[in-house]
Protein backbone atom coordinates (compact mmCIF):
# COMPACT_ATOMS: atom_id res chain seq x y z
CA MET A 1 46.30 7.62 -26.28
CA LEU A 2 49.72 6.56 -27.58
CA ASN A 3 50.27 4.13 -24.68
CA LYS A 4 46.84 2.68 -25.35
CA VAL A 5 47.83 2.10 -28.98
CA LYS A 6 50.99 0.34 -27.82
CA ARG A 7 49.17 -1.94 -25.35
CA LYS A 8 46.55 -2.91 -27.90
CA PHE A 9 49.15 -3.69 -30.55
CA ILE A 10 51.52 -5.60 -28.27
CA LYS A 11 48.68 -7.68 -26.83
CA ARG A 12 47.90 -8.99 -30.31
CA PHE A 13 51.51 -10.05 -30.75
CA ASP A 14 52.36 -11.48 -27.29
CA TRP A 15 52.97 -14.91 -28.74
CA PHE A 16 55.86 -13.50 -30.75
CA GLU A 17 57.75 -13.31 -27.45
CA LEU A 18 58.36 -17.03 -27.96
CA PHE A 19 61.00 -15.84 -30.43
CA ASN A 20 62.97 -13.97 -27.76
CA PHE A 21 66.40 -14.00 -29.33
CA THR A 22 68.55 -11.82 -31.57
CA ALA A 23 67.82 -12.41 -35.24
CA ASN A 24 70.39 -14.21 -37.32
CA ILE A 25 69.01 -13.96 -40.81
CA SER A 26 71.85 -15.93 -42.33
CA SER A 27 70.88 -18.95 -40.23
CA MET A 28 67.31 -18.84 -41.50
CA PRO A 29 67.71 -18.93 -45.31
CA ASP A 30 64.06 -19.73 -45.94
CA CYS A 31 62.70 -16.98 -43.72
CA LEU A 32 62.61 -13.20 -43.55
CA VAL A 33 62.97 -11.99 -39.98
CA SER A 34 61.44 -8.85 -38.46
CA VAL A 35 63.25 -7.65 -35.34
CA ASN A 36 62.08 -4.95 -32.95
CA PRO A 37 65.03 -2.50 -33.08
CA ALA A 38 64.13 -1.03 -29.69
CA THR A 39 64.45 -4.36 -27.87
CA GLY A 40 66.46 -6.63 -30.16
CA LYS A 41 63.72 -9.24 -29.94
CA VAL A 42 62.40 -11.05 -32.98
CA ILE A 43 58.83 -10.08 -33.76
CA ARG A 44 58.18 -12.76 -36.32
CA SER A 45 59.82 -14.82 -39.03
CA TYR A 46 58.07 -15.02 -42.40
CA LYS A 47 58.49 -17.90 -44.79
CA VAL A 48 59.96 -16.81 -48.11
CA ASP A 49 57.49 -17.13 -50.97
CA SER A 50 57.97 -20.17 -53.19
CA GLU A 51 58.49 -20.12 -56.94
CA ARG A 52 54.94 -21.40 -57.23
CA LYS A 53 53.67 -18.36 -55.29
CA VAL A 54 55.71 -15.99 -57.46
CA GLU A 55 54.30 -17.59 -60.59
CA ALA A 56 50.75 -17.25 -59.28
CA VAL A 57 51.27 -13.58 -58.41
CA LEU A 58 52.72 -12.73 -61.82
CA ARG A 59 49.98 -14.61 -63.61
CA GLN A 60 47.33 -12.77 -61.63
CA SER A 61 49.03 -9.42 -62.27
CA VAL A 62 48.67 -9.97 -66.03
CA GLN A 63 44.97 -10.68 -65.66
CA ALA A 64 44.48 -7.73 -63.34
CA PHE A 65 46.22 -5.35 -65.74
CA GLU A 66 44.03 -6.32 -68.66
CA ALA A 67 40.94 -5.36 -66.68
CA TRP A 68 42.38 -2.36 -64.83
CA ARG A 69 43.79 -0.57 -67.88
CA LYS A 70 40.35 -0.59 -69.50
CA LEU A 71 38.67 0.89 -66.44
CA ALA A 72 37.58 4.51 -66.81
CA LEU A 73 39.76 7.07 -65.07
CA GLY A 74 36.88 8.13 -62.85
CA LYS A 75 36.45 4.58 -61.58
CA ARG A 76 40.18 4.24 -60.95
CA ALA A 77 39.97 7.46 -58.93
CA THR A 78 37.17 5.99 -56.82
CA VAL A 79 39.36 2.98 -55.97
CA LEU A 80 42.22 5.26 -54.91
CA ARG A 81 39.88 7.26 -52.67
CA ASN A 82 38.60 4.05 -51.07
CA ILE A 83 42.17 2.94 -50.34
CA ALA A 84 42.84 6.32 -48.73
CA LYS A 85 39.78 5.84 -46.50
CA GLU A 86 40.97 2.38 -45.49
CA ILE A 87 44.43 3.75 -44.63
CA ARG A 88 42.90 6.31 -42.29
CA LYS A 89 40.65 3.64 -40.79
CA GLU A 90 43.68 1.41 -40.10
CA LYS A 91 46.07 4.21 -39.11
CA HIS A 92 46.60 3.17 -35.47
CA ARG A 93 47.52 -0.37 -36.45
CA LEU A 94 49.80 0.78 -39.26
CA VAL A 95 51.62 3.32 -37.10
CA ALA A 96 52.17 0.79 -34.30
CA LEU A 97 53.44 -1.74 -36.82
CA ALA A 98 56.03 0.68 -38.21
CA ALA A 99 57.13 1.63 -34.69
CA THR A 100 57.61 -2.03 -33.83
CA GLU A 101 59.26 -3.22 -37.05
CA MET A 102 61.60 -0.30 -37.79
CA GLY A 103 61.42 1.99 -34.77
CA LYS A 104 59.55 4.99 -36.15
CA PRO A 105 58.30 7.36 -33.41
CA LEU A 106 54.51 7.26 -33.32
CA GLN A 107 53.85 10.91 -34.12
CA GLN A 108 56.04 10.65 -37.22
CA GLY A 109 54.22 7.47 -38.15
CA TYR A 110 50.85 9.22 -38.06
CA TYR A 111 52.22 11.94 -40.34
CA GLU A 112 53.53 9.32 -42.77
CA VAL A 113 50.25 7.44 -42.93
CA GLU A 114 48.22 10.60 -43.48
CA LYS A 115 50.58 11.64 -46.29
CA CYS A 116 49.93 8.31 -48.01
CA ALA A 117 46.17 8.89 -47.91
CA ALA A 118 46.51 12.49 -49.10
CA THR A 119 48.67 11.44 -52.06
CA LEU A 120 46.15 8.83 -53.17
CA GLU A 121 43.47 11.51 -53.04
CA PHE A 122 45.70 13.92 -54.96
CA TYR A 123 46.07 11.51 -57.88
CA ALA A 124 42.39 10.59 -57.72
CA ARG A 125 41.64 14.30 -58.14
CA GLU A 126 44.36 15.34 -60.60
CA GLY A 127 45.25 12.14 -62.44
CA ALA A 128 42.78 12.47 -65.29
CA GLY A 129 44.12 15.92 -66.13
CA PHE A 130 47.73 14.70 -66.09
CA LEU A 131 46.83 11.87 -68.48
CA LYS A 132 44.71 13.89 -70.88
CA ASP A 133 45.68 13.61 -74.55
CA GLU A 134 48.03 16.41 -75.59
CA VAL A 135 47.05 17.82 -78.99
CA ILE A 136 50.04 19.02 -81.07
CA PRO A 137 49.40 20.75 -84.43
CA THR A 138 51.38 19.23 -87.31
CA SER A 139 50.88 18.59 -91.02
CA ALA A 140 48.36 15.89 -90.05
CA SER A 141 44.66 16.49 -89.93
CA LYS A 142 44.95 15.40 -86.31
CA SER A 143 47.98 14.59 -84.16
CA TYR A 144 48.31 14.14 -80.44
CA VAL A 145 50.19 12.39 -77.65
CA SER A 146 48.39 9.73 -75.65
CA PHE A 147 49.56 8.26 -72.34
CA GLN A 148 48.98 4.52 -72.05
CA PRO A 149 49.96 2.22 -69.14
CA LEU A 150 52.82 -0.25 -69.47
CA GLY A 151 51.67 -3.22 -67.38
CA THR A 152 52.99 -4.67 -64.12
CA ILE A 153 55.43 -2.45 -62.26
CA LEU A 154 57.85 -4.09 -59.83
CA ALA A 155 58.34 -1.89 -56.76
CA VAL A 156 61.46 -2.62 -54.69
CA MET A 157 61.01 -0.56 -51.55
CA PRO A 158 63.05 0.29 -48.41
CA TRP A 159 62.28 0.10 -44.71
CA ASN A 160 62.75 3.73 -43.63
CA PHE A 161 59.30 4.94 -44.73
CA PRO A 162 57.57 1.56 -45.02
CA PHE A 163 54.21 2.96 -46.11
CA TRP A 164 55.03 6.27 -47.77
CA GLN A 165 57.63 4.89 -50.17
CA VAL A 166 55.15 2.30 -51.42
CA PHE A 167 52.18 4.61 -51.89
CA ARG A 168 54.37 7.37 -53.34
CA ALA A 169 55.21 4.97 -56.16
CA MET A 170 51.89 3.15 -56.30
CA ALA A 171 49.42 6.06 -56.46
CA PRO A 172 50.56 7.59 -59.79
CA ALA A 173 51.44 4.25 -61.39
CA VAL A 174 48.07 2.71 -60.60
CA MET A 175 46.11 5.82 -61.53
CA ALA A 176 47.85 5.65 -64.91
CA GLY A 177 46.43 2.15 -65.41
CA ASN A 178 49.31 -0.05 -64.27
CA VAL A 179 49.27 -2.73 -61.58
CA MET A 180 52.05 -3.37 -59.08
CA VAL A 181 54.03 -6.17 -57.45
CA LEU A 182 55.73 -5.13 -54.21
CA LYS A 183 59.03 -6.53 -52.97
CA HIS A 184 59.51 -4.73 -49.67
CA ALA A 185 62.58 -4.64 -47.41
CA SER A 186 62.99 -7.90 -45.51
CA ASN A 187 62.80 -6.33 -42.05
CA VAL A 188 59.34 -4.79 -42.66
CA SER A 189 57.49 -7.80 -44.04
CA GLY A 190 54.61 -7.11 -41.67
CA CYS A 191 54.19 -3.66 -43.21
CA ALA A 192 54.27 -5.17 -46.72
CA LEU A 193 51.48 -7.62 -45.90
CA ALA A 194 49.47 -4.92 -44.16
CA ILE A 195 49.60 -2.76 -47.31
CA ALA A 196 48.38 -5.61 -49.51
CA GLU A 197 45.64 -6.52 -47.04
CA LEU A 198 44.25 -3.01 -46.67
CA ILE A 199 44.10 -2.57 -50.45
CA VAL A 200 41.96 -5.71 -50.66
CA LYS A 201 39.82 -4.53 -47.73
CA ALA A 202 39.27 -1.23 -49.57
CA GLY A 203 37.53 -3.17 -52.33
CA ALA A 204 40.24 -2.74 -54.95
CA PRO A 205 40.23 -5.22 -57.86
CA GLU A 206 42.08 -8.43 -57.13
CA GLY A 207 45.73 -8.21 -58.17
CA LEU A 208 45.98 -4.42 -58.19
CA LEU A 209 48.90 -4.60 -55.75
CA GLN A 210 50.39 -7.86 -54.53
CA ALA A 211 53.21 -8.30 -52.05
CA LEU A 212 55.93 -10.93 -52.41
CA LEU A 213 58.13 -11.90 -49.46
CA LEU A 214 61.50 -12.45 -51.08
CA PRO A 215 65.17 -11.79 -50.34
CA SER A 216 66.97 -9.23 -52.47
CA SER A 217 68.81 -12.03 -54.26
CA ARG A 218 65.60 -12.87 -56.14
CA VAL A 219 64.88 -9.38 -57.49
CA GLU A 220 66.90 -9.94 -60.66
CA ALA A 221 64.81 -12.97 -61.61
CA LEU A 222 61.66 -10.85 -61.30
CA ILE A 223 63.11 -8.15 -63.54
CA ASN A 224 64.05 -10.83 -66.07
CA ASP A 225 60.46 -12.08 -66.23
CA SER A 226 58.64 -10.83 -69.33
CA ARG A 227 55.52 -10.11 -67.28
CA ILE A 228 57.29 -7.32 -65.42
CA ALA A 229 57.09 -4.22 -67.60
CA ALA A 230 59.21 -1.82 -65.53
CA VAL A 231 60.78 -1.39 -62.11
CA THR A 232 60.93 1.35 -59.49
CA LEU A 233 63.40 1.21 -56.62
CA THR A 234 64.07 3.35 -53.59
CA GLY A 235 67.22 2.32 -51.79
CA SER A 236 70.98 2.49 -51.71
CA THR A 237 73.16 3.48 -54.64
CA ALA A 238 74.57 -0.06 -54.74
CA ALA A 239 71.06 -1.57 -54.92
CA GLY A 240 70.11 0.94 -57.61
CA SER A 241 73.13 0.05 -59.69
CA SER A 242 72.22 -3.65 -59.57
CA VAL A 243 68.60 -3.01 -60.50
CA ALA A 244 69.61 -0.61 -63.28
CA GLU A 245 71.94 -3.25 -64.72
CA ALA A 246 69.22 -5.90 -64.75
CA ALA A 247 66.61 -3.50 -66.13
CA GLY A 248 69.00 -2.28 -68.82
CA ARG A 249 69.86 -5.79 -69.87
CA ASN A 250 66.14 -6.43 -70.32
CA LEU A 251 65.50 -3.01 -71.91
CA LYS A 252 62.97 -2.12 -69.24
CA LYS A 253 62.20 1.31 -67.84
CA ALA A 254 63.48 1.99 -64.33
CA VAL A 255 63.02 4.83 -61.85
CA LEU A 256 65.69 4.94 -59.15
CA GLU A 257 65.51 7.07 -56.00
CA LEU A 258 68.81 6.37 -54.25
CA GLY A 259 71.06 7.69 -51.53
CA GLY A 260 71.74 11.29 -50.71
CA SER A 261 74.06 13.51 -48.70
CA ASP A 262 72.00 16.66 -48.80
CA PRO A 263 73.85 19.93 -48.17
CA TYR A 264 72.17 22.76 -46.29
CA VAL A 265 74.01 26.00 -46.97
CA ILE A 266 73.76 28.55 -44.15
CA LEU A 267 74.79 31.94 -45.52
CA ALA A 268 76.14 34.89 -43.54
CA ASP A 269 72.82 36.75 -43.66
CA ALA A 270 70.74 33.80 -42.42
CA ASP A 271 68.42 34.15 -39.43
CA LEU A 272 70.21 31.68 -37.16
CA ASP A 273 67.07 30.83 -35.19
CA VAL A 274 65.46 29.76 -38.45
CA ALA A 275 68.63 28.04 -39.65
CA VAL A 276 69.03 25.97 -36.49
CA GLU A 277 65.37 24.92 -36.45
CA ILE A 278 65.52 23.83 -40.09
CA ALA A 279 68.82 22.03 -39.60
CA VAL A 280 67.71 20.11 -36.50
CA ARG A 281 64.37 19.15 -37.99
CA GLY A 282 65.96 18.20 -41.29
CA ARG A 283 68.67 16.13 -39.63
CA LEU A 284 66.50 14.25 -37.13
CA VAL A 285 63.48 13.41 -39.30
CA ASN A 286 62.80 9.67 -39.07
CA SER A 287 65.66 9.39 -36.54
CA GLY A 288 68.02 10.66 -39.23
CA GLN A 289 67.21 7.76 -41.54
CA SER A 290 66.03 9.68 -44.56
CA CYS A 291 67.59 10.06 -47.99
CA ILE A 292 66.74 13.78 -47.88
CA ALA A 293 67.88 14.47 -44.32
CA ALA A 294 70.12 17.49 -43.70
CA LYS A 295 73.34 15.53 -43.79
CA ARG A 296 75.95 18.24 -44.49
CA LEU A 297 75.56 21.65 -42.88
CA VAL A 298 77.78 23.99 -44.89
CA VAL A 299 78.12 27.16 -42.81
CA VAL A 300 79.82 30.38 -43.89
CA GLN A 301 82.78 31.19 -41.64
CA SER A 302 81.42 34.41 -40.19
CA VAL A 303 78.43 32.67 -38.54
CA ARG A 304 79.81 29.16 -38.11
CA LYS A 305 80.71 29.41 -34.43
CA GLU A 306 77.37 30.86 -33.30
CA PHE A 307 75.37 28.46 -35.49
CA GLU A 308 77.41 25.54 -34.16
CA GLN A 309 76.75 26.41 -30.52
CA ARG A 310 73.01 26.77 -31.05
CA PHE A 311 72.77 23.64 -33.19
CA VAL A 312 74.64 21.48 -30.66
CA GLN A 313 72.39 22.67 -27.85
CA LYS A 314 69.23 21.79 -29.78
CA MET A 315 70.62 18.39 -30.74
CA LYS A 316 71.42 17.66 -27.08
CA GLU A 317 67.83 18.51 -26.15
CA ALA A 318 66.36 15.99 -28.61
CA ALA A 319 65.24 12.99 -26.55
CA PHE A 320 65.76 9.48 -27.92
CA GLY A 321 64.38 6.14 -26.79
CA ASP A 322 61.24 4.01 -26.99
CA PRO A 323 59.36 5.01 -30.18
CA PHE A 324 56.06 4.42 -28.36
CA ASP A 325 56.93 7.14 -25.83
CA GLU A 326 55.60 10.43 -27.16
CA LYS A 327 58.34 12.49 -25.50
CA ASN A 328 61.00 10.89 -27.70
CA ARG A 329 61.80 12.67 -30.93
CA ILE A 330 64.16 9.89 -31.99
CA GLY A 331 63.57 6.15 -31.91
CA PRO A 332 66.11 3.41 -32.49
CA MET A 333 67.81 2.96 -35.80
CA ALA A 334 66.22 0.22 -37.87
CA ARG A 335 68.90 -2.42 -37.28
CA VAL A 336 71.89 -2.91 -35.00
CA ASP A 337 74.25 -3.45 -37.94
CA LEU A 338 73.21 -0.10 -39.42
CA ARG A 339 73.79 1.61 -36.07
CA ASP A 340 77.21 0.03 -35.74
CA GLU A 341 78.15 1.03 -39.30
CA LEU A 342 77.16 4.63 -38.57
CA HIS A 343 79.21 4.62 -35.37
CA GLN A 344 82.26 3.43 -37.28
CA GLN A 345 81.84 6.29 -39.77
CA VAL A 346 81.79 8.71 -36.83
CA LEU A 347 84.90 7.15 -35.24
CA ARG A 348 86.82 7.13 -38.51
CA SER A 349 85.96 10.78 -39.07
CA ILE A 350 87.20 11.67 -35.57
CA ALA A 351 90.40 9.73 -36.21
CA LYS A 352 90.97 11.94 -39.27
CA GLY A 353 90.50 15.17 -37.32
CA ALA A 354 86.77 15.82 -36.92
CA ARG A 355 85.70 17.27 -33.55
CA LEU A 356 82.97 15.44 -31.63
CA LEU A 357 80.66 18.03 -30.03
CA CYS A 358 77.98 15.72 -28.64
CA GLY A 359 76.81 12.11 -28.82
CA GLY A 360 79.05 9.70 -30.67
CA TYR A 361 78.66 6.68 -28.40
CA ILE A 362 76.71 3.43 -28.33
CA PRO A 363 74.32 3.46 -25.36
CA GLY A 364 74.27 0.54 -22.96
CA GLY A 365 71.35 -1.85 -22.96
CA LYS A 366 69.37 -3.45 -25.74
CA GLY A 367 68.26 -2.02 -29.04
CA ALA A 368 69.77 -0.18 -31.98
CA PHE A 369 69.82 3.26 -30.36
CA TYR A 370 72.23 6.05 -31.26
CA PRO A 371 72.16 9.51 -29.67
CA PRO A 372 71.94 12.82 -31.56
CA THR A 373 75.54 13.46 -32.58
CA VAL A 374 77.38 16.47 -34.00
CA LEU A 375 80.73 16.51 -35.78
CA SER A 376 82.56 19.73 -36.65
CA ASN A 377 85.82 20.57 -38.39
CA VAL A 378 84.81 18.09 -41.07
CA LYS A 379 87.03 18.03 -44.15
CA LYS A 380 87.21 16.27 -47.48
CA GLY A 381 88.63 12.76 -47.07
CA MET A 382 86.60 12.01 -43.93
CA PRO A 383 83.61 9.62 -44.04
CA ALA A 384 81.44 12.42 -42.65
CA TYR A 385 82.28 14.51 -45.72
CA ASP A 386 82.46 11.89 -48.47
CA GLU A 387 79.87 9.28 -47.45
CA GLU A 388 76.18 9.22 -46.63
CA LEU A 389 75.61 9.09 -42.86
CA PHE A 390 72.22 7.43 -42.45
CA GLY A 391 71.33 8.28 -38.86
CA PRO A 392 71.09 11.16 -36.35
CA VAL A 393 74.55 12.65 -36.99
CA GLY A 394 74.87 16.34 -37.88
CA VAL A 395 77.97 17.31 -39.86
CA ILE A 396 79.23 20.91 -39.85
CA ILE A 397 81.54 22.01 -42.66
CA GLU A 398 82.93 25.55 -42.63
CA ALA A 399 83.03 27.59 -45.85
CA LYS A 400 84.96 30.81 -46.48
CA ASP A 401 82.12 32.60 -48.24
CA THR A 402 79.06 32.03 -50.44
CA ALA A 403 81.06 30.86 -53.46
CA ASP A 404 83.04 28.42 -51.33
CA ALA A 405 79.84 27.17 -49.69
CA MET A 406 78.30 26.37 -53.07
CA ARG A 407 81.50 24.60 -54.15
CA ILE A 408 81.39 22.41 -51.03
CA ALA A 409 77.66 21.76 -51.39
CA ASN A 410 78.20 20.42 -54.92
CA ASP A 411 81.34 18.45 -53.98
CA SER A 412 79.48 15.15 -53.64
CA VAL A 413 78.68 12.09 -55.70
CA TYR A 414 75.06 12.57 -54.64
CA GLY A 415 72.45 15.01 -55.91
CA LEU A 416 69.09 14.30 -54.33
CA GLY A 417 68.23 17.40 -52.33
CA GLY A 418 69.70 20.52 -50.81
CA GLY A 419 68.75 23.70 -49.03
CA ILE A 420 69.88 27.31 -48.82
CA ILE A 421 69.12 29.40 -45.74
CA SER A 422 69.45 33.13 -46.20
CA GLY A 423 67.85 36.45 -45.32
CA ASN A 424 68.12 37.46 -48.98
CA VAL A 425 65.43 35.26 -50.51
CA LYS A 426 66.00 36.45 -54.09
CA LYS A 427 69.71 35.70 -53.91
CA ALA A 428 69.04 32.29 -52.35
CA GLU A 429 66.47 31.50 -55.04
CA ILE A 430 69.00 32.19 -57.81
CA LEU A 431 71.57 29.96 -56.10
CA ALA A 432 69.02 27.18 -55.61
CA ALA A 433 67.73 27.40 -59.18
CA THR A 434 71.02 27.78 -61.04
CA GLU A 435 73.94 26.67 -58.85
CA LEU A 436 72.86 23.90 -56.47
CA GLN A 437 73.29 20.49 -58.13
CA ALA A 438 70.32 18.47 -56.89
CA GLY A 439 66.87 17.38 -57.94
CA ASN A 440 65.10 19.08 -55.02
CA CYS A 441 66.32 22.52 -53.95
CA PHE A 442 64.64 24.35 -51.08
CA VAL A 443 65.06 27.90 -49.74
CA ASN A 444 64.52 28.54 -46.03
CA ASP A 445 62.90 25.17 -45.43
CA PHE A 446 64.01 21.57 -45.02
CA VAL A 447 63.78 19.30 -48.06
CA HIS A 448 60.63 17.19 -48.22
CA SER A 449 58.46 15.54 -50.83
CA ASP A 450 55.09 16.92 -51.90
CA PRO A 451 52.64 15.12 -54.21
CA HIS A 452 52.23 18.30 -56.28
CA LEU A 453 55.95 18.41 -57.19
CA PRO A 454 58.31 15.99 -58.95
CA PHE A 455 60.76 14.20 -56.65
CA GLY A 456 64.05 12.57 -57.60
CA GLY A 457 67.77 13.08 -57.96
CA ILE A 458 70.80 13.32 -60.21
CA LYS A 459 74.31 11.83 -60.15
CA GLN A 460 74.48 8.78 -57.84
CA SER A 461 71.14 9.70 -56.29
CA GLY A 462 69.41 8.09 -59.26
CA TYR A 463 67.19 9.12 -62.13
CA GLY A 464 63.55 9.44 -63.04
CA ARG A 465 60.89 11.28 -61.07
CA GLU A 466 58.09 10.39 -58.71
CA LEU A 467 55.07 12.53 -57.82
CA GLY A 468 53.54 15.48 -59.62
CA SER A 469 52.57 15.31 -63.29
CA TYR A 470 56.06 14.04 -64.16
CA GLY A 471 55.72 11.07 -61.81
CA ILE A 472 52.50 9.79 -63.34
CA ARG A 473 54.08 9.89 -66.82
CA GLU A 474 57.13 7.78 -65.89
CA PHE A 475 55.41 4.43 -66.35
CA VAL A 476 53.36 5.08 -69.46
CA ASN A 477 53.83 4.68 -73.18
CA ILE A 478 54.06 8.27 -74.41
CA LYS A 479 52.36 7.44 -77.68
CA THR A 480 52.25 9.59 -80.79
CA VAL A 481 48.98 9.32 -82.73
CA PHE A 482 49.14 10.81 -86.27
CA ILE A 483 46.11 10.94 -88.57
CA LYS A 484 46.47 12.16 -92.16
């Protein structure tokens, strides 16, 4: 079935082979270029939206908000359910598009698309309860808190989960009564347009979500515009800092979900079969290109050697290659420059004393491929310890004992997620709840987002929360109503 999906998708885009060259975005200032990271071939170039188009989109968003915010919650929920149905109807096309534009293996793409639909249905089902007036007894005859939408939310989204990141932000914001303008990553412009198109096809009101094809250099101007009420960004710490500066200057609310270097602490009493499975799965999800991937494996000394041997073997067994081939667990990285940057981090770590246990080379041939790689003997001062490695590179750091492991886990500028793997669940729970410095702390499982639970980080991993009841209240006016 997967090969059939590939043939059907590629047949529709055969004419793009006319653009059979390596993309040079800097030489095409008026275009955004999507490149197939498995082949290095340009899929398509998209003309950057004009100022006139931006003006039209913002004007329509204002009109759409005025109508949408007045719509009953039950009717909003119906729209979200219809979008979920359309996503499932279009799932084969969406999955193939993500595989082609950013290299996501097909099976992972299907999981991502289904998660988008499920999250829309979650907020359709639970949103009204989250937004219900909260009565608070005071000296007034009546006093309560009401949750009112803010307006147009600018969503600046990344390429690594081209559908999930958008709908994770969109579902709660829209259910709360806001509308959204999407500025997606430049290399997944096809995914951005597909999202906007399917929302229209689902029968959503015009202007509920509109996509703009713009370079990052034009984000600040959007934030400056008075018609943008708030901004949400998922991306690098550097991008988050720039957006936070612009939002702060304009006194606008921002939610930032940024980089991460998640520690997974493997304690002496851990079941190593479980620990290795969690570590491999957590490290290789989305070909290692996830903010909540298992980036630092902090292993207590007494079990480090055995864990290391088992982990390396499992990493060697993970096949990488064509994302349309169902036997491959890992596709290409999203861009060649990102692959090369990762490789340099690996080489610089080795030069400082890290041991390379597998991988660590650039394969011959075309594409942005990088093999599953493991570094051990990693110490503070190495890129593998201090920086975020955004790709399929496992980093093993030895700790003396539990206290030392927790010290190392927290020795990072990031604080998005983290895990503790232990046979003593109660002990691990206490460490996760009270000691681990991160927004998402998991025991005996890999870190992942769930629409029921708030998701976000601390320190340089950002601020604000998405998902759960907290996520839907980020972009609302938490209004006090007091009646004497």
